[in-house]
Amino acid sequence: MADPEYNSPPNWPVPPEGWTPPEGWQPDPAWGPAPEGWEFWTQAGGATGGRPNRNAWGRTAVIAAISVAILAIFPLVGGADNLAEVIGSFAGRALVAFLITAVWAFFSRKPWGWGRYVLTFVAITVLLAAIGNAGNA
């Protein structure tokens, strides 16, 4: 069985390779708290196969589904003439953003918190919308 490795929370600075906290060490309060339930020690090469974000597909799917549902409300309330087209464009961008975000997180070597998933997904979605609307100006 491999020795446990220190697993720094995603909102804390990345420590040097192989670093372990010395006895009595305390994190800088400016870094904020670790996510609820965070595991500070993991087994190297354990069941995750070295993938700290093995749940990237599920987490990103949840974010994509919620965002499409929320964004679909606006044209519905606004009485859009082409509701299916508007929702389809949201869903299309969400699908591409889902794939990019999930692949990026899945192959990342550092664990991602929910905030990073949301921020990455939203940034990619906004970028895709800007690119899509660039020709309409």
N, C-alpha and C. Protein backbone atom coordinates (compact mmCIF):
# COMPACT_ATOMS: atom_id res chain seq x y z
N MET A 1 0.84 -1.18 0.00
CA MET A 1 0.00 0.00 0.00
C MET A 1 0.89 1.24 0.00
N ALA A 2 0.53 2.22 -0.82
CA ALA A 2 1.33 3.45 -0.95
C ALA A 2 1.13 4.35 0.26
N ASP A 3 2.14 5.19 0.51
CA ASP A 3 2.04 6.16 1.59
C ASP A 3 1.01 7.22 1.23
N PRO A 4 0.32 7.76 2.24
CA PRO A 4 -0.64 8.83 1.94
C PRO A 4 0.08 10.10 1.47
N GLU A 5 -0.59 10.83 0.60
CA GLU A 5 -0.05 12.09 0.08
C GLU A 5 -0.95 13.23 0.54
N TYR A 6 -0.31 14.37 0.83
CA TYR A 6 -1.07 15.57 1.21
C TYR A 6 -1.83 16.07 0.00
N ASN A 7 -3.11 16.37 0.19
CA ASN A 7 -4.00 16.82 -0.87
C ASN A 7 -4.49 18.22 -0.53
N SER A 8 -3.87 19.24 -1.10
CA SER A 8 -4.22 20.62 -0.82
C SER A 8 -5.58 20.98 -1.41
N PRO A 9 -6.43 21.69 -0.67
CA PRO A 9 -7.73 22.11 -1.21
C PRO A 9 -7.57 23.00 -2.44
N PRO A 10 -8.56 23.03 -3.34
CA PRO A 10 -8.43 23.78 -4.59
C PRO A 10 -8.31 25.29 -4.42
N ASN A 11 -8.79 25.83 -3.30
CA ASN A 11 -8.71 27.28 -3.10
C ASN A 11 -7.45 27.69 -2.35
N TRP A 12 -6.54 26.75 -2.10
CA TRP A 12 -5.26 27.04 -1.44
C TRP A 12 -4.14 26.98 -2.47
N PRO A 13 -3.01 27.65 -2.22
CA PRO A 13 -1.88 27.57 -3.16
C PRO A 13 -1.39 26.12 -3.30
N VAL A 14 -0.87 25.82 -4.48
CA VAL A 14 -0.36 24.48 -4.73
C VAL A 14 1.00 24.33 -4.06
N PRO A 15 1.14 23.33 -3.18
CA PRO A 15 2.44 23.15 -2.51
C PRO A 15 3.44 22.49 -3.45
N PRO A 16 4.73 22.57 -3.13
CA PRO A 16 5.73 21.87 -3.95
C PRO A 16 5.48 20.36 -3.93
N GLU A 17 5.92 19.69 -4.96
CA GLU A 17 5.78 18.24 -5.09
C GLU A 17 6.37 17.54 -3.86
N GLY A 18 5.60 16.65 -3.26
CA GLY A 18 6.07 15.88 -2.12
C GLY A 18 6.02 16.60 -0.78
N TRP A 19 5.51 17.84 -0.75
CA TRP A 19 5.46 18.62 0.49
C TRP A 19 4.43 18.03 1.45
N THR A 20 4.78 17.99 2.71
CA THR A 20 3.82 17.62 3.75
C THR A 20 3.87 18.71 4.82
N PRO A 21 2.75 19.02 5.42
CA PRO A 21 2.75 20.09 6.43
C PRO A 21 3.54 19.66 7.67
N PRO A 22 4.41 20.53 8.16
CA PRO A 22 5.14 20.20 9.38
C PRO A 22 4.19 20.24 10.58
N GLU A 23 4.61 19.60 11.65
CA GLU A 23 3.80 19.55 12.85
C GLU A 23 3.50 20.98 13.34
N GLY A 24 2.25 21.24 13.65
CA GLY A 24 1.84 22.54 14.14
C GLY A 24 1.55 23.56 13.05
N TRP A 25 1.72 23.20 11.79
CA TRP A 25 1.49 24.12 10.67
C TRP A 25 0.01 24.47 10.59
N GLN A 26 -0.27 25.74 10.29
CA GLN A 26 -1.64 26.22 10.10
C GLN A 26 -1.71 26.96 8.77
N PRO A 27 -2.79 26.77 7.99
CA PRO A 27 -2.91 27.49 6.72
C PRO A 27 -3.16 28.98 6.95
N ASP A 28 -2.80 29.77 5.97
CA ASP A 28 -3.06 31.21 6.02
C ASP A 28 -4.57 31.42 6.01
N PRO A 29 -5.12 32.18 6.95
CA PRO A 29 -6.58 32.41 6.98
C PRO A 29 -7.10 33.08 5.70
N ALA A 30 -6.25 33.81 4.99
CA ALA A 30 -6.67 34.48 3.75
C ALA A 30 -7.04 33.47 2.66
N TRP A 31 -6.57 32.23 2.78
CA TRP A 31 -6.88 31.21 1.78
C TRP A 31 -8.32 30.74 1.88
N GLY A 32 -8.95 30.99 2.99
CA GLY A 32 -10.31 30.53 3.19
C GLY A 32 -10.33 29.09 3.68
N PRO A 33 -11.52 28.62 4.06
CA PRO A 33 -11.61 27.25 4.57
C PRO A 33 -11.54 26.23 3.44
N ALA A 34 -11.17 25.03 3.80
CA ALA A 34 -11.21 23.92 2.84
C ALA A 34 -12.67 23.57 2.58
N PRO A 35 -13.00 23.03 1.39
CA PRO A 35 -14.38 22.63 1.12
C PRO A 35 -14.86 21.61 2.16
N GLU A 36 -16.14 21.64 2.44
CA GLU A 36 -16.71 20.72 3.43
C GLU A 36 -16.43 19.28 3.04
N GLY A 37 -15.94 18.50 3.99
CA GLY A 37 -15.64 17.09 3.75
C GLY A 37 -14.34 16.83 3.00
N TRP A 38 -13.50 17.85 2.86
CA TRP A 38 -12.26 17.72 2.09
C TRP A 38 -11.33 16.70 2.73
N GLU A 39 -10.76 15.82 1.93
CA GLU A 39 -9.79 14.83 2.41
C GLU A 39 -8.39 15.37 2.17
N PHE A 40 -7.70 15.66 3.28
CA PHE A 40 -6.35 16.23 3.19
C PHE A 40 -5.29 15.17 2.87
N TRP A 41 -5.60 13.93 3.07
CA TRP A 41 -4.65 12.86 2.80
C TRP A 41 -5.30 11.85 1.88
N THR A 42 -4.61 11.53 0.78
CA THR A 42 -5.12 10.56 -0.18
C THR A 42 -4.06 9.50 -0.40
N GLN A 43 -4.48 8.37 -0.90
CA GLN A 43 -3.55 7.28 -1.21
C GLN A 43 -3.02 7.49 -2.63
N ALA A 44 -1.72 7.50 -2.78
CA ALA A 44 -1.11 7.65 -4.10
C ALA A 44 -1.44 6.43 -4.94
N GLY A 45 -1.91 6.67 -6.17
CA GLY A 45 -2.22 5.57 -7.08
C GLY A 45 -3.35 4.69 -6.58
N GLY A 46 -4.22 5.23 -5.77
CA GLY A 46 -5.32 4.46 -5.19
C GLY A 46 -6.43 4.21 -6.19
N ALA A 47 -7.63 4.06 -5.69
CA ALA A 47 -8.79 3.70 -6.51
C ALA A 47 -9.09 4.74 -7.58
N THR A 48 -8.65 5.97 -7.37
CA THR A 48 -8.95 7.00 -8.36
C THR A 48 -8.06 6.88 -9.59
N GLY A 49 -7.03 6.04 -9.53
CA GLY A 49 -6.12 5.90 -10.66
C GLY A 49 -5.37 7.19 -10.94
N GLY A 50 -5.18 8.01 -9.91
CA GLY A 50 -4.47 9.26 -10.09
C GLY A 50 -5.35 10.38 -10.63
N ARG A 51 -6.64 10.16 -10.76
CA ARG A 51 -7.55 11.18 -11.28
C ARG A 51 -8.36 11.77 -10.12
N PRO A 52 -7.98 12.97 -9.66
CA PRO A 52 -8.70 13.54 -8.53
C PRO A 52 -10.11 14.01 -8.88
N ASN A 53 -10.41 14.14 -10.18
CA ASN A 53 -11.73 14.63 -10.61
C ASN A 53 -12.48 13.56 -11.40
N ARG A 54 -12.48 12.34 -10.88
CA ARG A 54 -13.14 11.25 -11.61
C ARG A 54 -14.65 11.48 -11.76
N ASN A 55 -15.20 12.41 -10.96
CA ASN A 55 -16.62 12.75 -11.04
C ASN A 55 -16.87 13.98 -11.91
N ALA A 56 -15.90 14.36 -12.72
CA ALA A 56 -15.99 15.58 -13.54
C ALA A 56 -17.20 15.54 -14.48
N TRP A 57 -17.49 14.40 -15.06
CA TRP A 57 -18.59 14.30 -16.03
C TRP A 57 -19.93 14.57 -15.36
N GLY A 58 -20.14 13.97 -14.19
CA GLY A 58 -21.40 14.16 -13.48
C GLY A 58 -21.57 15.58 -12.96
N ARG A 59 -20.52 16.13 -12.36
CA ARG A 59 -20.61 17.50 -11.84
C ARG A 59 -20.88 18.49 -12.96
N THR A 60 -20.17 18.33 -14.07
CA THR A 60 -20.35 19.26 -15.18
C THR A 60 -21.73 19.09 -15.80
N ALA A 61 -22.25 17.87 -15.85
CA ALA A 61 -23.60 17.64 -16.40
C ALA A 61 -24.65 18.34 -15.55
N VAL A 62 -24.48 18.31 -14.23
CA VAL A 62 -25.42 18.99 -13.34
C VAL A 62 -25.41 20.49 -13.63
N ILE A 63 -24.22 21.07 -13.75
CA ILE A 63 -24.10 22.51 -14.01
C ILE A 63 -24.71 22.86 -15.37
N ALA A 64 -24.45 22.04 -16.38
CA ALA A 64 -24.99 22.30 -17.72
C ALA A 64 -26.52 22.23 -17.72
N ALA A 65 -27.08 21.23 -17.06
CA ALA A 65 -28.54 21.08 -17.03
C ALA A 65 -29.20 22.25 -16.30
N ILE A 66 -28.63 22.65 -15.19
CA ILE A 66 -29.19 23.77 -14.43
C ILE A 66 -29.10 25.06 -15.24
N SER A 67 -27.96 25.28 -15.91
CA SER A 67 -27.81 26.52 -16.67
C SER A 67 -28.78 26.59 -17.85
N VAL A 68 -28.98 25.49 -18.55
CA VAL A 68 -29.92 25.50 -19.68
C VAL A 68 -31.34 25.73 -19.15
N ALA A 69 -31.69 25.10 -18.04
CA ALA A 69 -33.03 25.29 -17.48
C ALA A 69 -33.25 26.74 -17.06
N ILE A 70 -32.25 27.34 -16.42
CA ILE A 70 -32.38 28.73 -15.99
C ILE A 70 -32.44 29.67 -17.19
N LEU A 71 -31.56 29.48 -18.16
CA LEU A 71 -31.53 30.37 -19.32
C LEU A 71 -32.75 30.20 -20.21
N ALA A 72 -33.40 29.05 -20.17
CA ALA A 72 -34.60 28.83 -20.98
C ALA A 72 -35.79 29.62 -20.44
N ILE A 73 -35.73 30.01 -19.18
CA ILE A 73 -36.83 30.76 -18.58
C ILE A 73 -36.96 32.16 -19.22
N PHE A 74 -35.83 32.80 -19.50
CA PHE A 74 -35.85 34.18 -20.01
C PHE A 74 -36.59 34.32 -21.33
N PRO A 75 -36.28 33.52 -22.36
CA PRO A 75 -37.05 33.69 -23.61
C PRO A 75 -38.50 33.25 -23.47
N LEU A 76 -38.75 32.32 -22.56
CA LEU A 76 -40.12 31.86 -22.34
C LEU A 76 -40.95 32.99 -21.73
N VAL A 77 -40.42 33.65 -20.73
CA VAL A 77 -41.10 34.77 -20.09
C VAL A 77 -41.18 35.97 -21.03
N GLY A 78 -40.12 36.16 -21.80
CA GLY A 78 -40.08 37.29 -22.73
C GLY A 78 -40.94 37.09 -23.97
N GLY A 79 -41.53 35.92 -24.13
CA GLY A 79 -42.40 35.66 -25.27
C GLY A 79 -41.66 35.60 -26.60
N ALA A 80 -40.52 34.92 -26.62
CA ALA A 80 -39.72 34.80 -27.85
C ALA A 80 -40.54 34.13 -28.95
N ASP A 81 -40.40 34.65 -30.17
CA ASP A 81 -41.10 34.08 -31.32
C ASP A 81 -40.55 32.71 -31.69
N ASN A 82 -39.26 32.57 -31.57
CA ASN A 82 -38.59 31.34 -31.98
C ASN A 82 -38.01 30.63 -30.75
N LEU A 83 -38.85 30.23 -29.82
CA LEU A 83 -38.45 29.66 -28.55
C LEU A 83 -37.54 28.44 -28.73
N ALA A 84 -37.88 27.55 -29.63
CA ALA A 84 -37.08 26.34 -29.85
C ALA A 84 -35.67 26.70 -30.34
N GLU A 85 -35.58 27.69 -31.20
CA GLU A 85 -34.27 28.10 -31.71
C GLU A 85 -33.41 28.71 -30.61
N VAL A 86 -34.01 29.54 -29.77
CA VAL A 86 -33.27 30.19 -28.68
C VAL A 86 -32.79 29.15 -27.67
N ILE A 87 -33.69 28.25 -27.27
CA ILE A 87 -33.31 27.22 -26.31
C ILE A 87 -32.28 26.28 -26.93
N GLY A 88 -32.42 26.00 -28.21
CA GLY A 88 -31.45 25.15 -28.91
C GLY A 88 -30.06 25.76 -28.93
N SER A 89 -30.00 27.09 -29.08
CA SER A 89 -28.67 27.72 -29.07
C SER A 89 -28.06 27.66 -27.68
N PHE A 90 -28.88 27.81 -26.62
CA PHE A 90 -28.37 27.65 -25.25
C PHE A 90 -27.86 26.23 -25.06
N ALA A 91 -28.66 25.27 -25.48
CA ALA A 91 -28.29 23.86 -25.29
C ALA A 91 -27.04 23.50 -26.09
N GLY A 92 -26.92 24.04 -27.29
CA GLY A 92 -25.73 23.77 -28.09
C GLY A 92 -24.46 24.30 -27.45
N ARG A 93 -24.51 25.55 -26.99
CA ARG A 93 -23.35 26.11 -26.29
C ARG A 93 -23.06 25.35 -25.01
N ALA A 94 -24.12 24.96 -24.29
CA ALA A 94 -23.94 24.21 -23.04
C ALA A 94 -23.29 22.86 -23.30
N LEU A 95 -23.65 22.21 -24.40
CA LEU A 95 -23.05 20.92 -24.73
C LEU A 95 -21.55 21.06 -24.99
N VAL A 96 -21.18 22.05 -25.76
CA VAL A 96 -19.75 22.28 -26.06
C VAL A 96 -19.02 22.67 -24.77
N ALA A 97 -19.60 23.57 -23.98
CA ALA A 97 -18.98 23.97 -22.72
C ALA A 97 -18.88 22.78 -21.76
N PHE A 98 -19.90 21.92 -21.76
CA PHE A 98 -19.87 20.70 -20.94
C PHE A 98 -18.68 19.83 -21.32
N LEU A 99 -18.53 19.57 -22.60
CA LEU A 99 -17.43 18.70 -23.06
C LEU A 99 -16.06 19.28 -22.71
N ILE A 100 -15.87 20.57 -22.97
CA ILE A 100 -14.58 21.20 -22.68
C ILE A 100 -14.29 21.18 -21.18
N THR A 101 -15.28 21.58 -20.37
CA THR A 101 -15.09 21.64 -18.92
C THR A 101 -14.83 20.26 -18.34
N ALA A 102 -15.63 19.28 -18.72
CA ALA A 102 -15.49 17.93 -18.17
C ALA A 102 -14.15 17.30 -18.54
N VAL A 103 -13.74 17.44 -19.80
CA VAL A 103 -12.46 16.88 -20.22
C VAL A 103 -11.31 17.57 -19.49
N TRP A 104 -11.37 18.89 -19.40
CA TRP A 104 -10.32 19.65 -18.71
C TRP A 104 -10.21 19.21 -17.25
N ALA A 105 -11.35 19.14 -16.55
CA ALA A 105 -11.33 18.74 -15.14
C ALA A 105 -10.88 17.29 -14.98
N PHE A 106 -11.38 16.41 -15.83
CA PHE A 106 -11.06 14.98 -15.71
C PHE A 106 -9.56 14.73 -15.84
N PHE A 107 -8.91 15.44 -16.74
CA PHE A 107 -7.48 15.22 -16.96
C PHE A 107 -6.60 16.13 -16.10
N SER A 108 -7.21 17.02 -15.32
CA SER A 108 -6.44 17.88 -14.43
C SER A 108 -5.83 17.05 -13.31
N ARG A 109 -4.65 17.44 -12.88
CA ARG A 109 -3.97 16.70 -11.83
C ARG A 109 -4.35 17.20 -10.43
N LYS A 110 -5.00 18.35 -10.36
CA LYS A 110 -5.42 18.91 -9.08
C LYS A 110 -6.94 18.79 -8.95
N PRO A 111 -7.43 18.57 -7.73
CA PRO A 111 -8.88 18.48 -7.54
C PRO A 111 -9.57 19.82 -7.81
N TRP A 112 -10.75 19.75 -8.36
CA TRP A 112 -11.57 20.93 -8.62
C TRP A 112 -12.72 20.96 -7.63
N GLY A 113 -13.00 22.13 -7.09
CA GLY A 113 -14.20 22.32 -6.28
C GLY A 113 -15.35 22.74 -7.18
N TRP A 114 -16.56 22.77 -6.62
CA TRP A 114 -17.73 23.15 -7.41
C TRP A 114 -17.57 24.53 -8.02
N GLY A 115 -16.96 25.45 -7.29
CA GLY A 115 -16.78 26.81 -7.79
C GLY A 115 -15.96 26.85 -9.07
N ARG A 116 -14.93 26.05 -9.14
CA ARG A 116 -14.10 26.04 -10.35
C ARG A 116 -14.87 25.44 -11.53
N TYR A 117 -15.67 24.41 -11.27
CA TYR A 117 -16.50 23.86 -12.35
C TYR A 117 -17.44 24.93 -12.90
N VAL A 118 -18.13 25.61 -12.00
CA VAL A 118 -19.11 26.64 -12.42
C VAL A 118 -18.41 27.77 -13.17
N LEU A 119 -17.32 28.28 -12.60
CA LEU A 119 -16.60 29.38 -13.22
C LEU A 119 -16.09 29.00 -14.62
N THR A 120 -15.51 27.82 -14.74
CA THR A 120 -15.00 27.37 -16.03
C THR A 120 -16.12 27.19 -17.03
N PHE A 121 -17.21 26.55 -16.61
CA PHE A 121 -18.35 26.33 -17.51
C PHE A 121 -18.94 27.66 -17.99
N VAL A 122 -19.15 28.58 -17.06
CA VAL A 122 -19.73 29.88 -17.42
C VAL A 122 -18.80 30.66 -18.34
N ALA A 123 -17.49 30.66 -18.05
CA ALA A 123 -16.54 31.38 -18.89
C ALA A 123 -16.52 30.83 -20.31
N ILE A 124 -16.55 29.52 -20.43
CA ILE A 124 -16.55 28.91 -21.77
C ILE A 124 -17.87 29.22 -22.49
N THR A 125 -18.98 29.17 -21.78
CA THR A 125 -20.27 29.48 -22.39
C THR A 125 -20.32 30.92 -22.88
N VAL A 126 -19.83 31.85 -22.07
CA VAL A 126 -19.81 33.28 -22.46
C VAL A 126 -18.89 33.47 -23.66
N LEU A 127 -17.74 32.82 -23.66
CA LEU A 127 -16.83 32.92 -24.81
C LEU A 127 -17.48 32.40 -26.08
N LEU A 128 -18.17 31.26 -25.98
CA LEU A 128 -18.85 30.71 -27.15
C LEU A 128 -19.96 31.65 -27.64
N ALA A 129 -20.68 32.27 -26.71
CA ALA A 129 -21.73 33.22 -27.10
C ALA A 129 -21.13 34.42 -27.80
N ALA A 130 -20.00 34.91 -27.29
CA ALA A 130 -19.32 36.08 -27.91
C ALA A 130 -18.86 35.72 -29.31
N ILE A 131 -18.30 34.55 -29.48
CA ILE A 131 -17.84 34.12 -30.80
C ILE A 131 -19.04 33.97 -31.74
N GLY A 132 -20.13 33.40 -31.24
CA GLY A 132 -21.33 33.21 -32.05
C GLY A 132 -21.98 34.52 -32.47
N ASN A 133 -21.89 35.53 -31.60
CA ASN A 133 -22.51 36.81 -31.90
C ASN A 133 -21.57 37.78 -32.63
N ALA A 134 -20.33 37.41 -32.79
CA ALA A 134 -19.34 38.32 -33.43
C ALA A 134 -19.77 38.65 -34.86
N GLY A 135 -20.35 37.71 -35.55
CA GLY A 135 -20.75 37.97 -36.92
C GLY A 135 -22.07 38.73 -37.05
N ASN A 136 -22.78 38.89 -35.95
CA ASN A 136 -24.09 39.55 -35.99
C ASN A 136 -23.98 41.06 -35.75
N ALA A 137 -22.80 41.55 -35.48
CA ALA A 137 -22.65 42.97 -35.13
C ALA A 137 -22.75 43.86 -36.35
